[in-house]
């Protein structure tokens, strides 16, 4: 009888330890998932804030680019460009975008926890922003190499360059504004 009591006591202790380990594992796993969920929620909020910040930058500059395009087009339609003084032109005013939240999502691997369509919409934004930056660099390079002599042909080249370049900048900015709206709508679902 003593042996049977020892065996049943040992069995009860093994079951108790097993249940304790199992409960500890469940609680630990739940805690890790909870922390991961909080990190993902924080990343999503940071991404939305970053998108909003970049969207605001585009919204503030697009009207200026439209004005430069329209003004250069107006002067190009005039016969006499001798009096062409681009006082309306205050630089190309292209944008430097924020991308720290996006980079954090990549580096931490938290994007892997998001819905695929949300990740694709976010990637679309940052791909377009990189293309915009590359185009802005080309625009600056082209402008720097322009001939700024005060003659009719130099003025015409500058006006054509600005008209074409600003058209492309505006197209890129309109595409970005559309991508921002689409991504935020998907994320908010």
Protein backbone atom coordinates (compact mmCIF):
# COMPACT_ATOMS: atom_id res chain seq x y z
CA UNK A 1 0.00 0.00 0.00
CA UNK A 2 2.87 2.34 0.75
CA UNK A 3 4.24 1.86 -2.74
CA UNK A 4 0.87 2.62 -4.28
CA UNK A 5 0.60 5.87 -2.27
CA UNK A 6 4.09 6.95 -3.31
CA UNK A 7 3.29 6.23 -6.96
CA UNK A 8 0.05 8.17 -6.86
CA UNK A 9 1.78 11.07 -5.03
CA UNK A 10 4.52 11.07 -7.65
CA UNK A 11 1.92 10.96 -10.42
CA UNK A 12 0.01 13.89 -8.87
CA UNK A 13 3.25 15.91 -8.58
CA UNK A 14 4.16 15.18 -12.22
CA UNK A 15 0.69 16.25 -13.37
CA UNK A 16 0.87 19.40 -11.20
CA UNK A 17 4.30 20.34 -12.59
CA UNK A 18 3.16 19.62 -16.16
CA UNK A 19 0.06 21.76 -15.74
CA UNK A 20 2.18 24.53 -14.17
CA UNK A 21 4.69 24.45 -17.03
CA UNK A 22 1.88 24.42 -19.58
CA UNK A 23 0.12 27.38 -17.90
CA UNK A 24 3.44 29.24 -17.69
CA UNK A 25 3.98 28.65 -21.41
CA UNK A 26 0.48 29.90 -22.26
CA UNK A 27 0.89 33.03 -20.13
CA UNK A 28 4.34 33.72 -21.57
CA UNK A 29 3.07 33.24 -25.12
CA UNK A 30 0.06 35.49 -24.45
CA UNK A 31 2.36 38.16 -22.98
CA UNK A 32 4.70 38.02 -25.98
CA UNK A 33 1.75 38.26 -28.39
CA UNK A 34 0.35 41.17 -26.43
CA UNK A 35 3.69 43.03 -26.61
CA UNK A 36 3.99 42.27 -30.33
CA UNK A 37 0.45 43.52 -30.87
CA UNK A 38 1.25 46.76 -29.04
CA UNK A 39 4.40 47.24 -31.14
CA UNK A 40 2.40 46.68 -34.33
CA UNK A 41 -0.29 49.13 -33.20
CA UNK A 42 2.39 51.71 -32.43
CA UNK A 43 4.04 51.16 -35.83
CA UNK A 44 0.72 51.61 -37.63
CA UNK A 45 0.08 54.88 -35.79
CA UNK A 46 3.61 56.09 -36.58
CA UNK A 47 3.23 55.14 -40.25
CA UNK A 48 -0.10 57.00 -40.43
CA UNK A 49 1.47 60.08 -38.80
CA UNK A 50 4.41 59.94 -41.20
CA UNK A 51 2.09 59.56 -44.20
CA UNK A 52 0.02 62.52 -42.97
CA UNK A 53 3.18 64.63 -42.53
CA UNK A 54 4.38 63.80 -46.06
CA UNK A 55 0.89 64.37 -47.46
CA UNK A 56 0.83 67.83 -45.86
CA UNK A 57 4.21 68.66 -47.43
CA UNK A 58 2.92 67.72 -50.89
CA UNK A 59 -0.33 69.62 -50.39
CA UNK A 60 1.58 72.77 -49.45
CA UNK A 61 3.90 72.75 -52.50
CA UNK A 62 1.73 71.44 -55.35
CA UNK A 63 -0.01 74.79 -55.92
CA UNK A 64 3.35 76.52 -56.26
CA UNK A 65 4.42 73.96 -58.86
CA UNK A 66 1.15 74.47 -60.75
CA UNK A 67 1.75 78.22 -60.73
CA UNK A 68 5.31 77.81 -62.08
CA UNK A 69 4.07 75.49 -64.83
CA UNK A 70 1.23 77.84 -65.79
CA UNK A 71 3.45 80.93 -65.68
CA UNK A 72 6.16 79.39 -67.85
CA UNK A 73 3.51 78.16 -70.28
CA UNK A 74 2.09 81.68 -70.45
CA UNK A 75 5.50 83.16 -71.32
CA UNK A 76 6.19 80.41 -73.87
CA UNK A 77 3.03 81.40 -75.73
CA UNK A 78 4.25 84.98 -76.05
CA UNK A 79 6.26 85.96 -79.09
CA UNK A 80 8.67 88.22 -77.26
CA UNK A 81 10.66 86.59 -74.47
CA UNK A 82 13.11 89.47 -74.15
CA UNK A 83 11.19 90.78 -71.17
CA UNK A 84 10.95 87.32 -69.59
CA UNK A 85 11.87 87.82 -65.96
CA UNK A 86 10.82 84.75 -63.99
CA UNK A 87 10.16 86.66 -60.77
CA UNK A 88 7.46 84.07 -60.02
CA UNK A 89 10.14 81.37 -59.75
CA UNK A 90 11.37 80.93 -56.18
CA UNK A 91 13.29 77.68 -56.70
CA UNK A 92 12.10 74.19 -57.48
CA UNK A 93 10.79 73.61 -53.94
CA UNK A 94 10.82 69.85 -54.12
CA UNK A 95 10.15 67.88 -50.97
CA UNK A 96 12.31 65.89 -48.61
CA UNK A 97 10.11 63.11 -47.27
CA UNK A 98 10.17 61.50 -43.83
CA UNK A 99 10.59 57.73 -43.80
CA UNK A 100 11.78 56.75 -40.32
CA UNK A 101 8.56 54.90 -39.36
CA UNK A 102 8.69 52.99 -42.64
CA UNK A 103 12.33 52.03 -42.04
CA UNK A 104 11.48 50.94 -38.49
CA UNK A 105 8.76 48.66 -39.85
CA UNK A 106 11.24 47.05 -42.22
CA UNK A 107 14.04 46.69 -39.66
CA UNK A 108 11.84 45.25 -36.91
CA UNK A 109 10.01 42.89 -39.26
CA UNK A 110 6.66 44.18 -38.01
CA UNK A 111 5.46 44.62 -41.59
CA UNK A 112 5.27 40.82 -41.69
CA UNK A 113 2.43 41.03 -39.15
CA UNK A 114 0.35 43.43 -41.27
CA UNK A 115 -2.19 42.59 -43.94
CA UNK A 116 -0.56 42.18 -47.34
CA UNK A 117 -2.74 44.80 -49.03
CA UNK A 118 -1.76 47.36 -46.36
CA UNK A 119 1.92 46.60 -46.80
CA UNK A 120 1.56 46.91 -50.57
CA UNK A 121 -0.18 50.29 -50.24
CA UNK A 122 2.50 51.55 -47.86
CA UNK A 123 5.30 50.27 -50.13
CA UNK A 124 3.63 52.00 -53.08
CA UNK A 125 3.89 55.33 -51.25
CA UNK A 126 7.54 54.98 -50.35
CA UNK A 127 8.44 53.73 -53.84
CA UNK A 128 6.76 56.81 -55.35
CA UNK A 129 8.52 59.05 -52.83
CA UNK A 130 11.90 57.58 -53.86
CA UNK A 131 11.02 58.15 -57.54
CA UNK A 132 10.06 61.73 -56.70
CA UNK A 133 13.37 62.27 -54.91
CA UNK A 134 15.30 60.83 -57.86
CA UNK A 135 13.39 63.07 -60.26
CA UNK A 136 14.02 66.10 -58.01
CA UNK A 137 17.75 65.37 -58.16
CA UNK A 138 17.59 65.16 -61.98
CA UNK A 139 15.60 68.38 -62.06
CA UNK A 140 18.21 70.19 -60.00
CA UNK A 141 21.04 68.80 -62.14
CA UNK A 142 19.28 69.94 -65.30
CA UNK A 143 18.57 73.38 -63.89
CA UNK A 144 22.14 73.85 -62.72
CA UNK A 145 23.47 73.10 -66.20
CA UNK A 146 21.11 75.62 -67.88
CA UNK A 147 22.53 78.62 -69.71
CA UNK A 148 21.41 81.71 -67.78
CA UNK A 149 22.53 84.28 -70.35
CA UNK A 150 20.10 87.13 -70.83
CA UNK A 151 19.04 86.37 -74.37
CA UNK A 152 15.80 85.20 -75.95
CA UNK A 153 17.00 81.63 -76.67
CA UNK A 154 18.30 81.08 -73.11
CA UNK A 155 15.01 82.39 -71.68
CA UNK A 156 13.04 80.07 -73.97
CA UNK A 157 15.11 77.03 -72.92
CA UNK A 158 14.62 77.85 -69.24
CA UNK A 159 10.88 78.35 -69.71
CA UNK A 160 10.53 75.07 -71.65
CA UNK A 161 12.58 73.22 -69.06
CA UNK A 162 10.51 74.59 -66.16
CA UNK A 163 7.21 73.97 -67.92
CA UNK A 164 8.02 70.34 -68.71
CA UNK A 165 9.69 69.65 -65.37
CA UNK A 166 6.89 71.17 -63.30
CA UNK A 167 4.33 69.15 -65.27
CA UNK A 168 6.17 65.97 -64.29
CA UNK A 169 6.56 67.10 -60.67
CA UNK A 170 2.82 67.84 -60.46
CA UNK A 171 1.96 64.42 -61.90
CA UNK A 172 4.18 62.74 -59.29
CA UNK A 173 2.67 64.84 -56.49
CA UNK A 174 -0.89 64.04 -57.60
CA UNK A 175 -0.02 60.33 -57.67
CA UNK A 176 1.43 60.61 -54.17
CA UNK A 177 -1.67 62.37 -52.84
CA UNK A 178 -3.82 59.58 -54.28
CA UNK A 179 -1.56 56.89 -52.78
CA UNK A 180 -1.64 58.58 -49.37
CA UNK A 181 -5.43 58.60 -49.33
CA UNK A 182 -5.66 54.99 -50.49
CA UNK A 183 -3.17 53.72 -47.90
CA UNK A 184 -4.74 55.56 -44.98
CA UNK A 185 -8.20 54.28 -45.98
CA UNK A 186 -6.88 50.69 -46.07
CA UNK A 187 -5.07 51.03 -42.77
CA UNK A 188 -8.13 52.50 -41.05
CA UNK A 189 -10.34 49.54 -42.06
